[in-house]
Amino acid sequence: MGANASGQRKLPHPHANILARYSGIHILNKETHMYPGKEKKKKLSKLATLKKKLTRVRKHCRSVDHSKVIKELTNGWTVQELSTLVEDYEATSALKELTLLASLARPSANTVQKDLSKLFDSKYCTDVDLLYDGTCFPVHRAILCGRCRYFYNLLRRYPGYGIQVPVEIQTPGVDEEMFSSLLRYLYTGEFNSDSQTQQGQGHNYTLLLQLADEFGTPKALDHDLRMLLETGEFSDAILVFTSDLDMNEITDLEPSKKVHELHCHKAILAARSPFFRNLLLRRAKSGEEITDQTLQTHTRIVLDESVLPKQYARVLLNAVYMGSVDFSAIIRSSSSVCSLSEVQAIVAGKGQLTTIDEAMEIYSIGQFLEFPRLSQGCEDVIAENLNIENLVSILQWSSEPHGSLWVHRQALHFLQEEFQQVAHSSTLFDLDKQYLIETLQSDFLQVS
């Protein structure tokens, strides 16, 4: 019974609802003469099926007569003792809710806006300097060109890496602070004024509206980032997916034999993933970045397919640019090198990876790339698809060092909530003894 009985002072008779429903069925059955023959036959068939269901319900109710158990337990109790029992149930129910909320807790993953705001503040991977009112603002060409028509027209006149571009604004009253707020708005889609007074904030918003006439009004941030991803415009990096070829072999390949490549933007990769950020910073320190800039070529980031199979490349980039984990972007006809999960599926006799298998594999990719948004999106997919059939495999995976502790907590909670169904299935015999003991000892076990 656990916490399910909290607050119940008087339980209804377990057969009351069933008898009411069953009597309603008989009334309906008497009216079947009003329907034609086929309709009558169809209706009677439905009633027979429902009657079987009701029979099973009645049998189940007799086996778990909660009201009878409560009545026998509390027979002879005083009102004070009954009140104490109800309070205890209510407290247990509240504790169960708190336990559930605690199991759902996990560190929040940064949004695209927050990461791009940090990118603007940190100034790493910048490729152009804007000069305004005697101040230098290091920025990222791809973001400004993709977000603002004014900067698109301005920066196209100044090609090249690290070039200094003077900015002239016709709208009066735009100081250094306001210009910085304007740039941050283009990065995040959010305008945060540093002015503390209501009058000062009103002035800044009025000035921003005036700037819209000169700079144009940007579209939503997610729209512009999607366009950058889909078109590859202003891209300065290429993700190269390979198996065992080294960088020199990739460069010497004929165009017809090129491996899988995807155009992207270094600024956005660096903002969203510490793995890509550190990789790009190491290239810059080693001098490789200077060579790419001198030759005006894209930075090639080579990824091992045994770690990041190319069929998941679009899932990764969607999460980087859009902040969403979309499994429909998986290229399931891809001929990538078999990953560990695929090999395990083949050994287990599975013809194709399930959604759970794919989520587990992409979760590992997110962990490797230090990209929490991707990993947490996969955790959500696994939790949503959790059922009795895959419970054991999810418990096993989530308990391993490369698994997810958050998913493990959700699987244990599922086991406690659905233990009665698990007990009547073959899954019970596959459960690890440790999980069975832990579940049976739980104060929140839901079973009769």
Protein backbone atom coordinates (compact mmCIF):
# COMPACT_ATOMS: atom_id res chain seq x y z
CA MET A 1 0.00 0.00 0.00
CA GLY A 2 2.87 2.36 0.82
CA ALA A 3 2.08 6.03 0.40
CA ASN A 4 -0.90 5.37 -1.84
CA ALA A 5 -3.23 5.19 1.15
CA SER A 6 -2.35 8.67 2.42
CA GLY A 7 -5.29 10.84 3.39
CA GLN A 8 -7.90 8.08 2.95
CA ARG A 9 -10.17 8.15 5.99
CA LYS A 10 -12.95 6.06 4.53
CA LEU A 11 -12.36 3.78 1.59
CA PRO A 12 -15.23 3.00 -0.77
CA HIS A 13 -16.30 -0.54 -1.30
CA PRO A 14 -13.94 -2.08 -3.86
CA HIS A 15 -16.85 -3.43 -5.92
CA ALA A 16 -18.94 -0.26 -5.95
CA ASN A 17 -17.63 1.19 -9.19
CA ILE A 18 -17.61 -2.20 -10.91
CA LEU A 19 -21.23 -2.92 -9.99
CA ALA A 20 -22.29 0.50 -11.19
CA ARG A 21 -20.50 0.02 -14.49
CA TYR A 22 -21.82 -3.51 -14.86
CA SER A 23 -25.42 -2.46 -14.20
CA GLY A 24 -24.98 0.28 -16.80
CA ILE A 25 -23.90 -2.33 -19.30
CA HIS A 26 -27.06 -4.36 -18.72
CA ILE A 27 -29.19 -1.30 -19.29
CA LEU A 28 -27.38 -0.66 -22.54
CA ASN A 29 -27.77 -4.31 -23.45
CA LYS A 30 -31.55 -4.05 -23.09
CA GLU A 31 -31.59 -1.23 -25.60
CA THR A 32 -29.79 -3.16 -28.30
CA HIS A 33 -33.11 -4.03 -29.96
CA MET A 34 -33.13 -0.46 -31.24
CA TYR A 35 -30.15 -1.13 -33.50
CA PRO A 36 -30.07 -3.12 -36.76
CA GLY A 37 -28.85 -6.69 -36.74
CA LYS A 38 -25.19 -6.07 -37.58
CA GLU A 39 -24.95 -3.18 -35.15
CA LYS A 40 -26.57 -5.32 -32.44
CA LYS A 41 -24.15 -8.18 -33.06
CA LYS A 42 -21.16 -5.82 -32.96
CA LYS A 43 -22.40 -4.24 -29.76
CA LEU A 44 -22.94 -7.60 -28.07
CA SER A 45 -19.41 -8.61 -29.04
CA LYS A 46 -18.01 -5.49 -27.39
CA LEU A 47 -20.05 -6.19 -24.27
CA ALA A 48 -18.74 -9.72 -24.05
CA THR A 49 -15.17 -8.45 -24.24
CA LEU A 50 -15.84 -5.82 -21.59
CA LYS A 51 -17.49 -8.42 -19.37
CA LYS A 52 -14.31 -10.50 -19.44
CA LYS A 53 -12.30 -7.44 -18.45
CA LEU A 54 -14.67 -6.73 -15.59
CA THR A 55 -14.41 -10.31 -14.40
CA ARG A 56 -10.65 -9.97 -14.24
CA VAL A 57 -11.02 -6.68 -12.37
CA ARG A 58 -13.38 -8.26 -9.84
CA LYS A 59 -10.96 -11.11 -9.23
CA HIS A 60 -8.14 -8.61 -8.78
CA CYS A 61 -10.20 -6.53 -6.35
CA ARG A 62 -10.99 -9.59 -4.23
CA SER A 63 -7.29 -10.42 -3.99
CA VAL A 64 -6.31 -6.90 -2.90
CA ASP A 65 -9.22 -5.78 -0.69
CA HIS A 66 -7.50 -2.74 0.83
CA SER A 67 -10.56 -1.61 2.75
CA LYS A 68 -10.79 -4.96 4.52
CA VAL A 69 -7.12 -4.84 5.48
CA ILE A 70 -7.45 -1.29 6.80
CA LYS A 71 -10.63 -2.21 8.70
CA GLU A 72 -9.00 -5.20 10.38
CA LEU A 73 -5.91 -3.17 11.22
CA THR A 74 -7.75 -0.24 12.76
CA ASN A 75 -10.51 -2.17 14.50
CA GLY A 76 -10.74 -0.81 18.01
CA TRP A 77 -8.46 2.18 17.39
CA THR A 78 -9.27 5.53 18.93
CA VAL A 79 -9.89 8.65 16.87
CA GLN A 80 -6.51 9.99 17.92
CA GLU A 81 -4.76 6.83 16.73
CA LEU A 82 -6.59 6.99 13.38
CA SER A 83 -5.59 10.64 13.01
CA THR A 84 -1.96 9.71 13.68
CA LEU A 85 -2.13 7.00 11.01
CA VAL A 86 -3.48 9.47 8.44
CA GLU A 87 -0.76 11.98 9.32
CA ASP A 88 1.85 9.27 8.93
CA TYR A 89 0.53 8.36 5.48
CA GLU A 90 0.50 12.01 4.44
CA ALA A 91 4.07 12.50 5.63
CA THR A 92 5.17 9.36 3.78
CA SER A 93 3.48 10.58 0.62
CA ALA A 94 5.22 13.95 0.87
CA LEU A 95 8.55 12.23 1.50
CA LYS A 96 8.00 10.08 -1.58
CA GLU A 97 7.41 13.18 -3.70
CA LEU A 98 10.60 14.77 -2.35
CA THR A 99 12.54 11.59 -3.08
CA LEU A 100 11.23 11.58 -6.64
CA LEU A 101 12.21 15.21 -7.14
CA ALA A 102 15.68 14.47 -5.76
CA SER A 103 16.11 11.56 -8.18
CA LEU A 104 15.17 13.83 -11.09
CA ALA A 105 17.71 16.49 -10.11
CA ARG A 106 20.83 16.93 -12.28
CA PRO A 107 23.13 19.82 -13.26
CA SER A 108 21.47 22.07 -15.81
CA ALA A 109 22.99 22.11 -19.29
CA ASN A 110 23.84 25.51 -20.74
CA THR A 111 21.50 26.94 -23.35
CA VAL A 112 22.73 28.20 -26.71
CA GLN A 113 22.15 31.78 -25.53
CA LYS A 114 24.21 31.32 -22.38
CA ASP A 115 27.12 29.69 -24.23
CA LEU A 116 27.17 32.39 -26.92
CA SER A 117 27.09 35.06 -24.21
CA LYS A 118 30.15 33.43 -22.62
CA LEU A 119 31.76 33.30 -26.06
CA PHE A 120 31.24 37.05 -26.46
CA ASP A 121 32.78 37.72 -23.03
CA SER A 122 35.75 35.36 -23.33
CA LYS A 123 36.75 36.46 -26.87
CA TYR A 124 38.26 33.10 -27.82
CA CYS A 125 38.36 32.06 -31.48
CA THR A 126 37.62 35.62 -32.65
CA ASP A 127 38.57 36.40 -36.26
CA VAL A 128 37.85 40.11 -36.73
CA ASP A 129 38.21 43.29 -34.62
CA LEU A 130 35.60 46.05 -34.72
CA LEU A 131 36.86 49.56 -33.92
CA TYR A 132 34.24 51.87 -32.50
CA ASP A 133 34.67 55.08 -30.53
CA GLY A 134 38.34 54.30 -29.87
CA THR A 135 37.59 50.84 -28.47
CA CYS A 136 38.42 47.45 -30.04
CA PHE A 137 35.73 44.75 -29.95
CA PRO A 138 37.03 41.27 -30.94
CA VAL A 139 34.09 39.39 -32.53
CA HIS A 140 33.21 36.42 -34.73
CA ARG A 141 32.52 37.14 -38.37
CA ALA A 142 30.12 34.22 -38.93
CA ILE A 143 27.79 35.18 -36.07
CA LEU A 144 27.56 38.87 -36.97
CA CYS A 145 27.14 38.23 -40.70
CA GLY A 146 24.54 35.57 -40.09
CA ARG A 147 22.57 37.75 -37.69
CA CYS A 148 22.76 41.31 -39.05
CA ARG A 149 22.52 42.69 -42.60
CA TYR A 150 24.50 45.80 -41.60
CA PHE A 151 27.54 43.76 -40.51
CA TYR A 152 27.12 41.43 -43.48
CA ASN A 153 27.51 44.35 -45.88
CA LEU A 154 30.31 45.88 -43.78
CA LEU A 155 32.48 42.80 -43.24
CA ARG A 156 32.27 41.59 -46.82
CA ARG A 157 34.34 44.68 -47.70
CA TYR A 158 37.02 43.56 -45.24
CA PRO A 159 37.90 39.92 -45.94
CA GLY A 160 40.75 38.24 -44.14
CA TYR A 161 41.53 36.95 -40.66
CA GLY A 162 42.14 39.31 -37.74
CA ILE A 163 41.52 42.45 -39.77
CA GLN A 164 40.49 45.64 -37.98
CA VAL A 165 37.22 47.11 -39.24
CA PRO A 166 36.12 50.66 -38.38
CA VAL A 167 32.44 51.01 -37.53
CA GLU A 168 30.50 54.20 -38.13
CA ILE A 169 26.96 54.54 -36.81
CA GLN A 170 24.66 57.30 -38.00
CA THR A 171 22.24 57.01 -35.07
CA PRO A 172 23.28 59.57 -32.41
CA GLY A 173 23.77 58.69 -28.76
CA VAL A 174 25.36 55.24 -29.18
CA ASP A 175 28.27 55.09 -26.74
CA GLU A 176 30.72 52.27 -26.11
CA GLU A 177 28.45 50.59 -23.55
CA MET A 178 25.44 50.70 -25.85
CA PHE A 179 27.45 49.31 -28.77
CA SER A 180 28.62 46.41 -26.59
CA SER A 181 24.99 45.71 -25.60
CA LEU A 182 24.06 45.72 -29.28
CA LEU A 183 26.74 43.13 -30.07
CA ARG A 184 25.64 40.96 -27.16
CA TYR A 185 22.08 41.13 -28.44
CA LEU A 186 23.23 39.76 -31.80
CA TYR A 187 24.98 36.90 -30.01
CA THR A 188 22.16 35.95 -27.64
CA GLY A 189 18.92 37.44 -28.95
CA GLU A 190 18.48 39.08 -25.54
CA PHE A 191 19.00 42.74 -24.72
CA ASN A 192 20.36 43.29 -21.20
CA SER A 193 20.82 46.91 -20.24
CA ASP A 194 23.41 47.77 -17.59
CA SER A 195 21.43 50.88 -16.60
CA GLN A 196 19.94 50.56 -13.11
CA THR A 197 17.33 53.34 -13.36
CA GLN A 198 14.01 52.95 -15.09
CA GLN A 199 14.62 56.17 -17.02
CA GLY A 200 18.00 54.92 -18.23
CA GLN A 201 16.53 51.59 -19.36
CA GLY A 202 13.75 53.37 -21.21
CA HIS A 203 16.32 55.52 -23.02
CA ASN A 204 18.33 52.46 -24.04
CA TYR A 205 15.27 50.68 -25.42
CA THR A 206 14.29 53.78 -27.39
CA LEU A 207 17.80 53.98 -28.77
CA LEU A 208 17.68 50.29 -29.68
CA LEU A 209 14.51 50.87 -31.69
CA GLN A 210 16.25 53.69 -33.56
CA LEU A 211 19.20 51.41 -34.29
CA ALA A 212 16.79 48.89 -35.83
CA ASP A 213 16.19 51.35 -38.67
CA GLU A 214 19.91 51.46 -39.44
CA PHE A 215 20.95 47.89 -38.63
CA GLY A 216 17.74 46.08 -39.50
CA THR A 217 15.78 43.81 -37.15
CA PRO A 218 17.39 40.38 -36.73
CA LYS A 219 15.24 37.28 -36.90
CA ALA A 220 15.01 34.85 -34.00
CA LEU A 221 18.37 33.47 -32.90
CA ASP A 222 17.38 29.84 -33.49
CA HIS A 223 16.27 30.71 -37.03
CA ASP A 224 19.61 32.34 -37.92
CA LEU A 225 21.63 29.52 -36.34
CA ARG A 226 19.60 26.96 -38.27
CA MET A 227 20.34 28.83 -41.49
CA LEU A 228 24.06 28.86 -40.68
CA LEU A 229 23.94 25.10 -40.07
CA GLU A 230 21.89 24.19 -43.13
CA THR A 231 23.61 26.48 -45.65
CA GLY A 232 27.15 26.32 -44.29
CA GLU A 233 27.49 30.01 -45.12
CA PHE A 234 30.46 31.77 -43.49
CA SER A 235 31.78 28.37 -42.35
CA ASP A 236 35.45 28.21 -41.39
CA ALA A 237 35.74 24.60 -40.22
CA ILE A 238 35.08 21.11 -41.57
CA LEU A 239 34.32 18.02 -39.51
CA VAL A 240 36.02 15.06 -41.20
CA PHE A 241 34.88 11.56 -40.23
CA THR A 242 37.44 8.84 -40.85
CA SER A 243 38.37 5.37 -39.66
CA ASP A 244 42.11 4.79 -39.78
CA LEU A 245 43.39 7.39 -42.24
CA ASP A 246 45.72 10.03 -40.92
CA MET A 247 45.58 13.71 -41.80
CA ASN A 248 48.03 13.44 -44.69
CA GLU A 249 46.12 10.59 -46.30
CA ILE A 250 42.88 12.56 -46.09
CA THR A 251 44.46 15.59 -47.73
CA ASP A 252 45.80 13.50 -50.63
CA LEU A 253 42.54 11.69 -51.39
CA GLU A 254 40.93 12.22 -54.77
CA PRO A 255 37.69 14.26 -54.67
CA SER A 256 35.65 11.21 -55.63
CA LYS A 257 37.08 9.31 -52.64
CA LYS A 258 36.70 12.02 -50.01
CA VAL A 259 35.45 10.87 -46.64
CA HIS A 260 32.32 12.27 -45.01
CA GLU A 261 32.67 16.01 -44.33
CA LEU A 262 30.39 18.62 -42.76
CA HIS A 263 30.91 22.39 -42.82
CA CYS A 264 30.50 24.25 -39.55
CA HIS A 265 31.70 27.29 -37.59
CA LYS A 266 34.59 27.29 -35.14
CA ALA A 267 33.04 29.96 -32.94
CA ILE A 268 29.88 27.95 -32.29
CA LEU A 269 31.76 24.68 -31.78
CA ALA A 270 34.10 26.36 -29.28
CA ALA A 271 31.18 28.01 -27.46
CA ARG A 272 29.23 24.79 -27.00
CA SER A 273 31.89 22.14 -26.34
CA PRO A 274 35.06 22.41 -24.18
CA PHE A 275 36.47 19.52 -26.25
CA PHE A 276 36.28 21.49 -29.50
CA ARG A 277 37.36 24.69 -27.75
CA ASN A 278 40.54 23.13 -26.37
CA LEU A 279 41.25 21.45 -29.70
CA LEU A 280 41.01 24.76 -31.58
CA LEU A 281 43.09 26.60 -28.97
CA ARG A 282 45.83 23.94 -29.20
CA ARG A 283 45.86 24.30 -32.98
CA ALA A 284 46.21 28.06 -32.62
CA LYS A 285 49.16 27.70 -30.23
CA SER A 286 50.89 25.13 -32.45
CA GLY A 287 50.75 27.38 -35.50
CA GLU A 288 48.39 25.18 -37.54
CA GLU A 289 45.68 27.83 -37.31
CA ILE A 290 48.02 30.47 -38.75
CA THR A 291 48.73 28.23 -41.73
CA ASP A 292 45.01 27.76 -42.40
CA GLN A 293 44.44 31.50 -42.12
CA THR A 294 47.35 32.32 -44.45
CA LEU A 295 46.10 29.89 -47.07
CA GLN A 296 42.49 30.98 -46.40
CA THR A 297 41.41 27.36 -46.01
CA HIS A 298 38.93 25.79 -43.62
CA THR A 299 40.19 24.25 -40.40
CA ARG A 300 39.83 20.47 -40.74
CA ILE A 301 38.82 18.68 -37.55
CA VAL A 302 39.37 14.94 -37.99
CA LEU A 303 37.15 12.65 -35.90
CA ASP A 304 37.61 8.91 -35.46
CA GLU A 305 34.46 7.05 -36.56
CA SER A 306 34.98 4.41 -33.91
CA VAL A 307 34.34 7.17 -31.35
CA LEU A 308 31.92 9.38 -33.28
CA PRO A 309 30.23 7.46 -36.15
CA LYS A 310 29.23 9.71 -39.01
CA GLN A 311 25.56 8.62 -38.86
CA TYR A 312 25.31 10.65 -35.63
CA ALA A 313 27.01 13.76 -37.03
CA ARG A 314 23.78 15.62 -37.75
CA VAL A 315 22.42 14.79 -34.30
CA LEU A 316 25.55 16.34 -32.80
CA LEU A 317 25.39 19.50 -34.92
CA ASN A 318 21.66 19.96 -34.29
CA ALA A 319 22.36 19.88 -30.56
CA VAL A 320 25.28 22.31 -30.96
CA TYR A 321 23.41 24.87 -33.06
CA MET A 322 19.80 24.39 -31.95
CA GLY A 323 20.09 22.94 -28.47
CA SER A 324 17.79 20.03 -29.39
CA VAL A 325 18.51 16.30 -29.65
CA ASP A 326 16.74 15.05 -32.78
CA PHE A 327 17.03 11.30 -33.43
CA SER A 328 15.36 11.69 -36.83
CA ALA A 329 18.66 13.22 -38.00
CA ILE A 330 20.42 9.85 -37.63
CA ILE A 331 21.61 8.51 -40.99
CA ARG A 332 20.56 4.91 -40.50
CA SER A 333 21.66 3.79 -43.97
CA SER A 334 25.18 4.99 -43.25
CA SER A 335 28.10 2.63 -43.84
CA SER A 336 30.09 3.89 -40.88
CA VAL A 337 32.65 1.75 -39.14
CA CYS A 338 30.86 -0.39 -36.56
CA SER A 339 30.89 1.15 -33.12
CA LEU A 340 31.01 -0.78 -29.85
CA SER A 341 27.20 -0.72 -29.48
CA GLU A 342 26.72 -2.00 -33.02
CA VAL A 343 29.18 -4.85 -32.43
CA GLN A 344 27.37 -5.77 -29.20
CA ALA A 345 24.03 -5.70 -31.02
CA ILE A 346 25.37 -8.03 -33.72
CA VAL A 347 26.78 -10.43 -31.13
CA ALA A 348 23.43 -10.41 -29.29
CA GLY A 349 21.65 -11.32 -32.51
CA LYS A 350 19.96 -7.94 -33.03
CA GLY A 351 19.56 -6.97 -36.65
CA GLN A 352 19.40 -3.26 -35.93
CA LEU A 353 20.08 -0.89 -33.06
CA THR A 354 17.02 0.16 -31.09
CA THR A 355 16.30 3.75 -30.08
CA ILE A 356 17.62 2.91 -26.61
CA ASP A 357 20.88 1.55 -28.09
CA GLU A 358 21.34 4.68 -30.20
CA ALA A 359 20.61 6.92 -27.22
CA MET A 360 23.21 5.09 -25.12
CA GLU A 361 25.81 5.49 -27.84
CA ILE A 362 25.10 9.17 -28.44
CA TYR A 363 25.17 9.72 -24.67
CA SER A 364 28.75 8.43 -24.65
CA ILE A 365 29.60 10.81 -27.50
CA GLY A 366 28.21 13.72 -25.49
CA GLN A 367 30.32 12.71 -22.50
CA PHE A 368 33.44 12.44 -24.66
CA LEU A 369 32.85 15.88 -26.20
CA GLU A 370 32.02 17.39 -22.77
CA PHE A 371 28.65 18.46 -24.15
CA PRO A 372 25.99 18.07 -21.40
CA ARG A 373 23.08 19.16 -23.60
CA LEU A 374 23.62 16.17 -25.89
CA SER A 375 24.08 13.73 -23.02
CA GLN A 376 21.01 14.93 -21.13
CA GLY A 377 18.88 14.79 -24.26
CA CYS A 378 19.83 11.12 -24.60
CA GLU A 379 19.06 10.50 -20.93
CA ASP A 380 15.56 11.89 -21.50
CA VAL A 381 15.04 9.57 -24.49
CA ILE A 382 16.11 6.52 -22.48
CA ALA A 383 13.86 7.44 -19.54
CA GLU A 384 10.87 8.04 -21.84
CA ASN A 385 11.30 4.64 -23.51
CA LEU A 386 11.86 2.71 -20.27
CA ASN A 387 9.62 -0.37 -19.98
CA ILE A 388 9.60 -3.82 -18.43
CA GLU A 389 11.25 -5.44 -21.46
CA ASN A 390 14.34 -3.20 -21.46
CA LEU A 391 14.52 -2.52 -17.70
CA VAL A 392 17.29 -5.05 -17.02
CA SER A 393 19.54 -3.88 -19.87
CA ILE A 394 19.10 -0.22 -18.86
CA LEU A 395 19.92 -1.02 -15.22
CA GLN A 396 23.05 -2.85 -16.34
CA TRP A 397 24.20 -0.07 -18.68
CA SER A 398 23.48 2.76 -16.26
CA SER A 399 25.40 1.06 -13.44
CA GLU A 400 28.59 0.84 -15.51
CA PRO A 401 31.30 3.56 -15.29
CA HIS A 402 30.36 4.93 -18.73
CA GLY A 403 26.63 4.83 -17.93
CA SER A 404 24.33 7.49 -16.51
CA LEU A 405 23.63 7.72 -12.78
CA TRP A 406 20.57 9.84 -13.56
CA VAL A 407 19.11 7.11 -15.78
CA HIS A 408 19.97 4.55 -13.11
CA ARG A 409 17.87 6.44 -10.56
CA GLN A 410 14.95 6.60 -13.00
CA ALA A 411 15.20 2.87 -13.68
CA LEU A 412 15.16 2.04 -9.95
CA HIS A 413 12.16 4.32 -9.47
CA PHE A 414 10.40 2.58 -12.35
CA LEU A 415 11.12 -0.79 -10.73
CA GLN A 416 9.55 0.38 -7.45
CA GLU A 417 6.47 1.80 -9.16
CA GLU A 418 5.87 -1.15 -11.49
CA PHE A 419 7.10 -3.97 -9.28
CA GLN A 420 3.77 -5.80 -9.37
CA GLN A 421 3.97 -6.08 -13.17
CA VAL A 422 7.65 -6.99 -13.00
CA ALA A 423 6.86 -9.73 -10.47
CA HIS A 424 4.44 -11.34 -12.94
CA SER A 425 6.91 -11.25 -15.85
CA SER A 426 10.10 -13.06 -16.81
CA THR A 427 12.02 -9.85 -16.07
CA LEU A 428 11.93 -10.76 -12.37
CA PHE A 429 14.27 -13.72 -12.96
CA ASP A 430 16.78 -11.54 -14.86
CA LEU A 431 17.02 -8.86 -12.18
CA ASP A 432 20.23 -8.58 -10.23
CA LYS A 433 19.86 -9.69 -6.62
CA GLN A 434 21.11 -6.30 -5.43
CA TYR A 435 18.28 -4.43 -7.18
CA LEU A 436 15.68 -6.88 -5.91
CA ILE A 437 16.79 -6.46 -2.29
CA GLU A 438 16.98 -2.68 -2.61
CA THR A 439 13.48 -2.52 -4.09
CA LEU A 440 11.90 -4.79 -1.49
CA GLN A 441 13.46 -2.73 1.31
CA SER A 442 12.16 0.55 -0.08
CA ASP A 443 9.47 2.39 1.89
CA PHE A 444 7.93 3.47 -1.42
CA LEU A 445 7.45 0.07 -3.02
CA GLN A 446 4.11 0.06 -4.87
CA VAL A 447 2.76 -3.48 -4.58
CA SER A 448 -0.16 -5.27 -2.95
